[in-house]
Protein backbone atom coordinates (compact mmCIF):
# COMPACT_ATOMS: atom_id res chain seq x y z
CA UNK A 1 -11.51 38.04 27.98
CA UNK A 2 -12.87 34.81 26.53
CA UNK A 3 -13.95 34.55 22.87
CA UNK A 4 -14.75 31.49 20.83
CA UNK A 5 -15.36 30.86 17.12
CA UNK A 6 -15.86 27.82 14.93
CA UNK A 7 -13.18 26.64 12.51
CA UNK A 8 -13.74 25.38 8.98
CA UNK A 9 -12.49 22.22 7.35
CA UNK A 10 -9.75 22.38 4.72
CA UNK A 11 -8.65 18.84 3.87
CA UNK A 12 -5.50 18.36 1.80
CA UNK A 13 -4.39 15.31 -0.01
CA UNK A 14 -0.81 14.08 -0.17
CA UNK A 15 0.59 11.66 -2.72
CA UNK A 16 3.88 9.88 -3.12
CA UNK A 17 5.41 9.26 -6.53
CA UNK A 18 6.99 6.01 -7.45
CA UNK A 19 9.82 7.90 -9.13
CA UNK A 20 10.89 9.16 -5.69
CA UNK A 21 11.42 5.68 -4.27
CA UNK A 22 14.80 4.06 -3.76
CA UNK A 23 13.64 1.08 -5.84
CA UNK A 24 13.19 3.31 -8.89
CA UNK A 25 16.57 4.98 -8.40
CA UNK A 26 18.28 1.60 -8.01
CA UNK A 27 16.55 0.35 -11.16
CA UNK A 28 17.70 3.42 -13.09
CA UNK A 29 21.24 2.98 -11.83
CA UNK A 30 21.21 -0.70 -12.74
CA UNK A 31 19.81 0.07 -16.22
CA UNK A 32 22.30 2.91 -16.73
CA UNK A 33 25.31 0.74 -15.84
CA UNK A 34 24.08 -2.18 -17.91
CA UNK A 35 23.16 0.11 -20.82
CA UNK A 36 26.55 1.83 -20.69
CA UNK A 37 28.32 -1.52 -20.75
CA UNK A 38 26.21 -2.62 -23.70
CA UNK A 39 26.85 0.67 -25.49
CA UNK A 40 30.61 0.31 -25.11
CA UNK A 41 30.45 -3.27 -26.39
CA UNK A 42 28.32 -2.41 -29.42
CA UNK A 43 30.35 0.72 -30.19
CA UNK A 44 33.49 -1.39 -30.26
CA UNK A 45 31.74 -3.92 -32.48
CA UNK A 46 30.42 -1.19 -34.78
CA UNK A 47 33.84 0.36 -35.36
CA UNK A 48 35.42 -3.05 -35.80
CA UNK A 49 32.81 -3.95 -38.44
CA UNK A 50 33.46 -0.63 -40.17
CA UNK A 51 37.22 -1.19 -40.16
CA UNK A 52 36.76 -4.78 -41.32
CA UNK A 53 34.59 -3.61 -44.24
CA UNK A 54 37.23 -1.13 -45.34
CA UNK A 55 39.96 -3.76 -45.08
CA UNK A 56 37.91 -6.19 -47.13
CA UNK A 57 37.22 -3.54 -49.76
CA UNK A 58 40.91 -2.69 -50.06
CA UNK A 59 41.82 -6.36 -50.30
CA UNK A 60 39.14 -7.00 -52.93
CA UNK A 61 40.27 -4.05 -55.06
CA UNK A 62 43.91 -5.09 -54.77
CA UNK A 63 43.19 -8.70 -55.70
CA UNK A 64 41.10 -7.73 -58.74
CA UNK A 65 43.69 -5.18 -59.91
CA UNK A 66 46.46 -7.77 -59.63
CA UNK A 67 44.37 -10.27 -61.62
CA UNK A 68 43.79 -7.77 -64.45
CA UNK A 69 47.46 -6.75 -64.56
CA UNK A 70 48.37 -10.44 -64.77
CA UNK A 71 45.86 -10.82 -67.61
CA UNK A 72 47.51 -7.89 -69.43
CA UNK A 73 50.98 -9.41 -69.10
CA UNK A 74 49.74 -12.80 -70.23
CA UNK A 75 47.34 -11.92 -73.08
CA UNK A 76 48.20 -8.34 -74.00
CA UNK A 77 46.50 -4.96 -73.70
CA UNK A 78 43.72 -5.86 -76.15
CA UNK A 79 42.56 -8.66 -73.89
CA UNK A 80 42.74 -6.29 -70.89
CA UNK A 81 40.55 -3.82 -72.77
CA UNK A 82 37.92 -6.47 -73.42
CA UNK A 83 37.92 -7.61 -69.80
CA UNK A 84 37.61 -4.06 -68.42
CA UNK A 85 34.78 -3.28 -70.87
CA UNK A 86 32.92 -6.46 -69.87
CA UNK A 87 33.25 -5.81 -66.17
CA UNK A 88 32.34 -2.14 -66.52
CA UNK A 89 29.08 -2.96 -68.30
CA UNK A 90 28.04 -5.81 -65.96
CA UNK A 91 25.21 -5.58 -63.43
CA UNK A 92 27.68 -5.03 -60.60
CA UNK A 93 29.04 -1.89 -62.23
CA UNK A 94 26.70 0.29 -60.22
CA UNK A 95 28.86 -0.41 -57.18
CA UNK A 96 32.14 -1.22 -58.96
CA UNK A 97 34.05 1.22 -61.12
CA UNK A 98 36.60 0.43 -63.88
CA UNK A 99 38.76 2.64 -66.03
CA UNK A 100 41.35 1.87 -68.71
CA UNK A 101 42.88 4.83 -70.52
CA UNK A 102 45.89 5.28 -72.79
CA UNK A 103 48.96 7.38 -72.20
CA UNK A 104 47.23 10.48 -73.59
CA UNK A 105 44.36 10.16 -71.08
CA UNK A 106 41.78 8.89 -73.56
CA UNK A 107 39.39 6.33 -72.06
CA UNK A 108 39.68 2.95 -73.76
CA UNK A 109 37.18 1.02 -71.54
CA UNK A 110 35.30 1.28 -68.27
CA UNK A 111 32.30 3.02 -66.74
CA UNK A 112 33.80 6.27 -65.41
CA UNK A 113 35.36 9.27 -67.12
CA UNK A 114 39.16 9.56 -67.47
CA UNK A 115 41.10 10.72 -64.44
CA UNK A 116 44.66 11.85 -63.74
CA UNK A 117 46.81 8.75 -63.15
CA UNK A 118 47.36 8.01 -59.43
CA UNK A 119 49.35 5.03 -58.17
CA UNK A 120 48.01 3.05 -55.17
CA UNK A 121 44.91 3.74 -53.04
CA UNK A 122 42.91 6.95 -53.28
CA UNK A 123 39.34 8.20 -52.92
CA UNK A 124 37.37 10.42 -55.26
CA UNK A 125 33.87 11.19 -56.41
CA UNK A 126 32.83 9.75 -59.73
CA UNK A 127 29.75 9.66 -61.95
CA UNK A 128 29.30 6.24 -63.67
CA UNK A 129 28.76 6.37 -67.42
CA UNK A 130 26.98 3.16 -68.40
CA UNK A 131 26.22 4.36 -71.92
CA UNK A 132 29.78 5.29 -72.68
CA UNK A 133 29.16 9.04 -72.41
CA UNK A 134 30.32 11.25 -69.56
CA UNK A 135 27.91 12.43 -66.89
CA UNK A 136 24.27 11.50 -66.55
CA UNK A 137 24.23 10.32 -62.91
CA UNK A 138 24.85 11.61 -59.41
CA UNK A 139 28.39 11.35 -58.17
CA UNK A 140 29.42 8.74 -55.62
CA UNK A 141 32.39 8.61 -53.26
CA UNK A 142 34.49 5.60 -54.12
CA UNK A 143 37.75 3.98 -53.09
CA UNK A 144 40.19 3.28 -55.96
CA UNK A 145 43.46 1.53 -56.54
CA UNK A 146 45.34 2.51 -59.67
CA UNK A 147 48.41 1.29 -61.59
CA UNK A 148 50.33 2.71 -64.58
CA UNK A 149 50.79 0.14 -67.37
CA UNK A 150 54.13 -0.48 -69.11
CA UNK A 151 52.69 1.12 -72.24
CA UNK A 152 52.01 4.34 -70.37
CA UNK A 153 48.32 3.60 -70.05
CA UNK A 154 46.46 3.64 -66.75
CA UNK A 155 44.21 1.09 -65.07
CA UNK A 156 42.01 1.91 -62.02
CA UNK A 157 39.47 -0.16 -60.12
CA UNK A 158 37.10 1.24 -57.48
CA UNK A 159 34.26 0.36 -55.13
CA UNK A 160 31.38 2.54 -54.05
CA UNK A 161 31.87 3.53 -50.37
CA UNK A 162 28.10 3.92 -50.13
CA UNK A 163 27.87 0.13 -49.84
CA UNK A 164 29.84 0.36 -46.59
CA UNK A 165 27.51 3.13 -45.41
CA UNK A 166 24.55 0.82 -46.00
CA UNK A 167 26.27 -1.91 -44.01
CA UNK A 168 27.11 0.54 -41.24
CA UNK A 169 23.52 1.80 -41.18
CA UNK A 170 22.24 -1.77 -40.91
CA UNK A 171 24.62 -2.51 -38.04
CA UNK A 172 23.74 0.76 -36.34
CA UNK A 173 20.01 0.06 -36.52
CA UNK A 174 20.54 -3.40 -35.12
CA UNK A 175 22.66 -1.88 -32.37
CA UNK A 176 20.05 0.75 -31.43
CA UNK A 177 17.29 -1.85 -31.38
CA UNK A 178 19.37 -4.17 -29.24
CA UNK A 179 20.28 -1.29 -26.93
CA UNK A 180 16.60 -0.40 -26.44
CA UNK A 181 15.69 -4.01 -25.64
CA UNK A 182 18.69 -4.27 -23.32
CA UNK A 183 17.70 -1.06 -21.49
CA UNK A 184 14.13 -2.31 -20.99
CA UNK A 185 15.32 -5.67 -19.70
CA UNK A 186 17.89 -4.00 -17.45
CA UNK A 187 15.26 -1.61 -16.09
CA UNK A 188 12.88 -4.50 -15.40
CA UNK A 189 15.65 -6.49 -13.73
CA UNK A 190 16.68 -3.46 -11.72
CA UNK A 191 13.11 -2.91 -10.55
CA UNK A 192 12.85 -6.51 -9.39
CA UNK A 193 16.17 -6.39 -7.56
CA UNK A 194 15.53 -2.90 -6.17
CA UNK A 195 12.04 -3.81 -4.97
CA UNK A 196 13.40 -6.76 -3.00
CA UNK A 197 16.10 -4.60 -1.46
CA UNK A 198 13.66 -1.81 -0.60
CA UNK A 199 11.22 -4.27 0.96
CA UNK A 200 13.87 -5.25 3.48
CA UNK A 201 14.77 -1.61 4.14
CA UNK A 202 11.10 -0.82 4.62
CA UNK A 203 10.89 -3.60 7.22
CA UNK A 204 13.69 -1.84 9.13
CA UNK A 205 11.98 1.56 8.76
CA UNK A 206 8.63 0.13 9.80
CA UNK A 207 10.15 -1.37 12.93
CA UNK A 208 11.93 1.90 13.71
CA UNK A 209 8.64 3.83 13.41
CA UNK A 210 6.95 1.32 15.70
CA UNK A 211 9.71 1.72 18.31
CA UNK A 212 9.53 5.51 18.07
CA UNK A 213 5.78 5.31 18.71
CA UNK A 214 6.53 3.72 22.10
CA UNK A 215 6.61 -0.05 21.53
CA UNK A 216 10.21 -0.61 22.58
CA UNK A 217 9.87 -4.40 22.46
CA UNK A 218 9.47 -4.43 18.65
CA UNK A 219 12.41 -5.91 16.71
CA UNK A 220 13.50 -6.09 13.07
CA UNK A 221 12.54 -9.40 11.39
CA UNK A 222 15.45 -11.47 10.03
CA UNK A 223 15.36 -13.22 6.64
CA UNK A 224 17.73 -15.99 7.70
CA UNK A 225 19.97 -15.45 4.67
CA UNK A 226 22.94 -14.32 6.75
CA UNK A 227 23.75 -11.51 4.30
CA UNK A 228 24.80 -7.95 5.17
CA UNK A 229 21.24 -6.75 5.78
CA UNK A 230 20.56 -9.67 8.10
CA UNK A 231 23.77 -8.90 10.00
CA UNK A 232 22.78 -5.23 10.21
CA UNK A 233 19.30 -6.14 11.46
CA UNK A 234 20.75 -8.50 14.07
CA UNK A 235 23.18 -5.83 15.32
CA UNK A 236 20.38 -3.26 15.49
CA UNK A 237 18.20 -5.70 17.45
CA UNK A 238 21.04 -6.29 19.91
CA UNK A 239 21.50 -2.54 20.30
CA UNK A 240 17.75 -2.07 20.84
CA UNK A 241 17.76 -4.78 23.50
CA UNK A 242 20.52 -2.95 25.34
CA UNK A 243 18.80 0.44 25.03
CA UNK A 244 15.50 -1.00 26.26
CA UNK A 245 17.21 -2.57 29.25
CA UNK A 246 18.92 0.72 30.18
CA UNK A 247 15.75 2.76 29.76
CA UNK A 248 13.68 0.37 31.82
CA UNK A 249 16.36 0.43 34.52
CA UNK A 250 16.33 4.23 34.61
CA UNK A 251 12.55 4.35 34.74
CA UNK A 252 12.48 1.75 37.47
CA UNK A 253 15.03 3.70 39.52
CA UNK A 254 13.00 6.91 39.17
CA UNK A 255 9.78 5.12 40.09
CA UNK A 256 11.37 3.31 43.04
CA UNK A 257 12.94 6.47 44.43
CA UNK A 258 9.73 8.46 44.06
CA UNK A 259 7.62 5.66 45.51
CA UNK A 260 9.91 4.88 48.45
CA UNK A 261 10.30 8.52 49.49
CA UNK A 262 6.63 9.43 49.36
CA UNK A 263 5.78 7.58 52.58
CA UNK A 264 8.51 9.11 54.80
CA UNK A 265 7.83 12.53 53.32
CA UNK A 266 4.13 12.14 54.07
CA UNK A 267 4.94 11.18 57.69
CA UNK A 268 7.32 14.16 57.93
CA UNK A 269 4.56 16.45 56.68
CA UNK A 270 2.16 15.14 59.30
CA UNK A 271 4.72 15.81 62.06
CA UNK A 272 5.35 19.32 60.78
CA UNK A 273 1.61 19.91 60.66
CA UNK A 274 1.27 18.85 64.29
CA UNK A 275 4.27 20.99 65.27
CA UNK A 276 2.76 24.00 63.46
CA UNK A 277 -0.47 23.53 65.38
CA UNK A 278 1.41 23.36 68.69
CA UNK A 279 3.75 26.27 67.92
CA UNK A 280 2.83 29.41 69.85
CA UNK A 281 5.12 31.98 68.30
CA UNK A 282 4.12 33.42 64.86
CA UNK A 283 7.71 33.11 63.58
CA UNK A 284 7.72 29.39 64.30
CA UNK A 285 4.36 28.96 62.61
CA UNK A 286 5.65 30.81 59.52
CA UNK A 287 8.71 28.57 59.37
CA UNK A 288 6.55 25.48 59.71
CA UNK A 289 4.21 26.79 56.98
CA UNK A 290 7.18 27.34 54.63
CA UNK A 291 8.51 23.86 55.37
CA UNK A 292 5.09 22.35 54.64
CA UNK A 293 5.03 24.19 51.32
CA UNK A 294 8.43 22.80 50.39
CA UNK A 295 7.33 19.25 51.27
CA UNK A 296 4.16 19.69 49.21
CA UNK A 297 6.34 20.69 46.22
CA UNK A 298 8.51 17.62 46.71
CA UNK A 299 5.47 15.34 46.99
CA UNK A 300 4.05 16.95 43.83
CA UNK A 301 7.31 16.29 42.03
CA UNK A 302 7.31 12.62 43.06
CA UNK A 303 3.66 12.27 42.03
CA UNK A 304 4.47 13.73 38.61
CA UNK A 305 7.44 11.36 38.20
CA UNK A 306 5.29 8.36 39.07
CA UNK A 307 2.58 9.51 36.68
CA UNK A 308 5.09 10.00 33.84
CA UNK A 309 6.56 6.54 34.52
CA UNK A 310 3.08 5.02 34.42
CA UNK A 311 2.33 6.73 31.10
CA UNK A 312 5.65 5.68 29.55
CA UNK A 313 5.00 2.01 30.31
CA UNK A 314 2.13 2.16 27.80
CA UNK A 315 -0.30 0.43 30.17
CA UNK A 316 -2.86 3.19 29.62
CA UNK A 317 -3.22 2.14 25.96
CA UNK A 318 -5.52 -0.66 27.08
CA UNK A 319 -8.07 1.97 28.12
CA UNK A 320 -8.10 3.86 24.82
CA UNK A 321 -11.62 4.76 23.68
CA UNK A 322 -13.16 7.03 21.10
CA UNK A 323 -14.06 10.39 22.62
CA UNK A 324 -15.00 13.92 21.61
CA UNK A 325 -11.72 15.85 21.43
CA UNK A 326 -13.61 19.09 20.82
CA UNK A 327 -15.37 18.64 24.15
CA UNK A 328 -12.01 18.23 25.92
CA UNK A 329 -10.78 21.50 24.41
CA UNK A 330 -14.04 23.23 25.36
CA UNK A 331 -13.77 22.01 28.96
CA UNK A 332 -10.16 23.15 29.40
CA UNK A 333 -10.86 26.52 27.78
CA UNK A 334 -13.86 27.09 30.07
CA UNK A 335 -11.72 26.28 33.12
CA UNK A 336 -8.81 28.55 32.23
CA UNK A 337 -10.80 31.42 30.77
CA UNK A 338 -11.55 32.70 34.27
CA UNK A 339 -7.90 32.23 35.31
CA UNK A 340 -6.78 34.40 32.39
CA UNK A 341 -9.25 37.14 33.37
CA UNK A 342 -7.91 37.11 36.95
CA UNK A 343 -4.41 37.72 35.57
CA UNK A 344 -5.58 40.48 33.18
CA UNK A 345 -4.81 38.29 30.17
CA UNK A 346 -6.85 37.78 27.02
CA UNK A 347 -7.95 34.19 26.39
CA UNK A 348 -9.28 33.20 22.95
CA UNK A 349 -10.33 29.86 21.53
CA UNK A 350 -11.33 28.64 18.09
CA UNK A 351 -12.55 25.06 18.30
CA UNK A 352 -14.06 23.06 15.46
CA UNK A 353 -16.96 20.95 16.78
CA UNK A 354 -17.31 17.19 16.40
CA UNK A 355 -13.60 16.33 16.20
CA UNK A 356 -13.25 12.75 17.43
CA UNK A 357 -10.13 10.98 18.64
CA UNK A 358 -9.16 7.59 20.06
CA UNK A 359 -7.17 7.70 23.28
CA UNK A 360 -7.30 8.39 27.01
CA UNK A 361 -9.60 11.35 27.63
CA UNK A 362 -8.25 12.02 31.14
CA UNK A 363 -4.63 12.13 29.93
CA UNK A 364 -5.53 14.36 26.99
CA UNK A 365 -7.30 16.75 29.35
CA UNK A 366 -4.23 16.90 31.58
CA UNK A 367 -1.89 17.39 28.61
CA UNK A 368 -3.91 20.30 27.23
CA UNK A 369 -4.32 21.80 30.72
CA UNK A 370 -0.54 21.70 31.24
CA UNK A 371 0.06 23.48 27.93
CA UNK A 372 -2.53 26.19 28.62
CA UNK A 373 -1.33 26.67 32.20
CA UNK A 374 2.28 26.92 30.98
CA UNK A 375 1.28 29.62 28.46
CA UNK A 376 -0.66 31.61 31.09
CA UNK A 377 2.05 31.30 33.76
CA UNK A 378 4.88 32.55 31.55
CA UNK A 379 2.94 35.35 29.82
CA UNK A 380 2.74 38.83 31.37
CA UNK A 381 -0.50 40.70 32.12
CA UNK A 382 -2.14 41.97 28.94
CA UNK A 383 -0.78 39.07 26.87
CA UNK A 384 -3.07 36.96 24.70
CA UNK A 385 -3.32 33.17 24.90
CA UNK A 386 -5.07 31.37 22.04
CA UNK A 387 -6.26 27.75 21.82
CA UNK A 388 -7.33 26.23 18.49
CA UNK A 389 -8.58 22.85 17.29
CA UNK A 390 -9.22 22.03 13.64
CA UNK A 391 -8.96 19.25 11.09
CA UNK A 392 -5.68 19.45 9.24
CA UNK A 393 -4.21 17.46 6.36
CA UNK A 394 -6.07 14.25 5.63
CA UNK A 395 -8.72 15.13 8.23
CA UNK A 396 -6.30 14.61 11.12
CA UNK A 397 -7.00 16.69 14.23
CA UNK A 398 -4.56 19.52 14.79
CA UNK A 399 -4.37 21.55 18.00
CA UNK A 400 -2.59 24.82 18.72
CA UNK A 401 -1.76 26.61 21.97
CA UNK A 402 -0.11 29.96 21.34
CA UNK A 403 0.74 33.11 23.27
CA UNK A 404 2.44 36.43 22.59
CA UNK A 405 4.63 36.31 25.69
CA UNK A 406 8.45 36.10 25.83
CA UNK A 407 8.50 32.74 24.00
CA UNK A 408 11.29 30.17 24.03
CA UNK A 409 14.63 30.74 22.24
CA UNK A 410 15.04 28.46 19.25
CA UNK A 411 18.16 26.88 20.75
CA UNK A 412 16.18 25.89 23.87
CA UNK A 413 13.10 24.41 22.19
CA UNK A 414 14.55 20.92 21.92
CA UNK A 415 15.28 20.85 25.67
CA UNK A 416 12.07 22.06 27.31
CA UNK A 417 10.49 18.59 27.23
CA UNK A 418 13.30 17.14 29.35
CA UNK A 419 12.57 16.33 32.97
CA UNK A 420 13.38 19.14 35.42
CA UNK A 421 14.60 21.42 32.61
CA UNK A 422 13.68 25.07 33.09
CA UNK A 423 14.68 28.23 31.28
CA UNK A 424 17.03 30.45 33.25
CA UNK A 425 14.48 33.27 33.48
CA UNK A 426 11.83 30.88 34.91
CA UNK A 427 13.85 29.46 37.77
CA UNK A 428 12.41 32.00 40.20
CA UNK A 429 8.81 31.02 39.41
CA UNK A 430 6.93 28.10 40.94
CA UNK A 431 7.09 24.71 39.28
CA UNK A 432 9.20 21.58 39.11
CA UNK A 433 10.06 21.39 35.42
CA UNK A 434 7.92 18.28 34.86
CA UNK A 435 4.81 19.80 33.27
CA UNK A 436 6.09 19.66 29.69
CA UNK A 437 7.74 16.29 30.37
CA UNK A 438 4.29 14.91 31.17
CA UNK A 439 2.96 16.56 27.98
CA UNK A 440 5.67 14.80 25.96
CA UNK A 441 4.89 11.44 27.61
CA UNK A 442 1.16 11.73 26.84
CA UNK A 443 1.89 12.83 23.27
CA UNK A 444 4.20 9.86 22.71
CA UNK A 445 1.60 7.47 24.14
CA UNK A 446 -1.01 8.82 21.69
CA UNK A 447 1.32 9.14 18.66
CA UNK A 448 0.90 12.92 18.67
CA UNK A 449 3.58 14.95 16.90
CA UNK A 450 4.55 17.95 19.04
CA UNK A 451 6.44 20.93 17.64
CA UNK A 452 7.39 24.30 19.10
CA UNK A 453 7.20 27.27 16.71
CA UNK A 454 7.80 30.99 16.82
CA UNK A 455 4.50 32.87 17.22
CA UNK A 456 6.16 36.24 16.40
CA UNK A 457 6.11 37.17 19.23
CA UNK A 458 5.66 34.36 21.72
CA UNK A 459 5.46 30.59 21.43
CA UNK A 460 3.13 28.31 19.50
CA UNK A 461 2.80 24.61 20.40
CA UNK A 462 1.43 22.53 17.52
CA UNK A 463 -0.14 19.11 18.14
CA UNK A 464 -0.77 16.89 15.12
CA UNK A 465 -2.84 13.83 16.09
């Protein structure tokens, strides 16, 4: 049964994000390390500035307290009272606090209310009283140093800790601004360094892709710097030279063996043919006929090996032309539709018209014919074989050959393109195990990505051009 429909076009666009590149990740890593180093440095500086400010404030309070106590010893308590009153009412009194009180706790001078006498350093919240009355302003946290006078009175001097907070805020803002600038510069530097590194890696990847496509003579370009990447590239080039030499030797051996044995096998076939014609007994004729069949299989195997070797050399690329791929699919489907009907199999095709491709039309016809013949041969009567051609992602041609036969086990799918490899259940059927090897050679020559998939049930061969 042969049916055919037309496929529609569903283009899809793919995009790559810069944030997924190695250059961006290297830049982020570079910026993160540099930013972390800068953060540690500025954090250390910030805490050192904070500690230095506190030390200076303690020293300043201690020096001023000692000076006033010396004034009291030298000129008396009345002079101390005048000095404290003058300093408490000065312009700096908004950040500096002074208190002189007698033994009963009554304030004699200063700009803060009386407090319980405390010797040495202490902190407390105070509300400055510039008019001489208590209260009237918000409280401030201040650091004080106090001393009890010989008369029983009490002298305390303090500084507003809010001044240190302002200094710390100023340092912190400068730090955050510097950190932002540092991060931007580090990110820019990382992008420049990462881009250069990735360019060299991309040269290696580009060469690898070229070699995979079949041009085994391609090599990685060297920068001449002698660094690690140059040494890696040189080692890879040496390895590729060795691999190419070994592969060419193996191909040459296969070609030589196949070529040299074809002539004696052809002469042997001619002799057997003459002997079969001269044989009078039917049993002898049957034996000769079987021997001729075996020789024909051997000659077919050698012909396939020579054809694969010719394809793998890449010499057919010179004959690449633009051709109608849809017409190739139509031709093969017309040829094998009748074969499927003879084997009581259903044959379906869905081919999008006007799909063009650049390559060798004859080789593409043989590749598709091998795939369709393989599907028909290994599918039982009543099975369905389907051939499709459509435009896939980005408008690239995509072909499918699928069947609902026994399929190929997943563990075996990576092996079926090897030369002479056959599944255990297929060893009793005709064939030499080179059909799919020729398919793989043609696909590699044309940069076609082949993949074997589960058709649930059966096998699906996907060709992405």
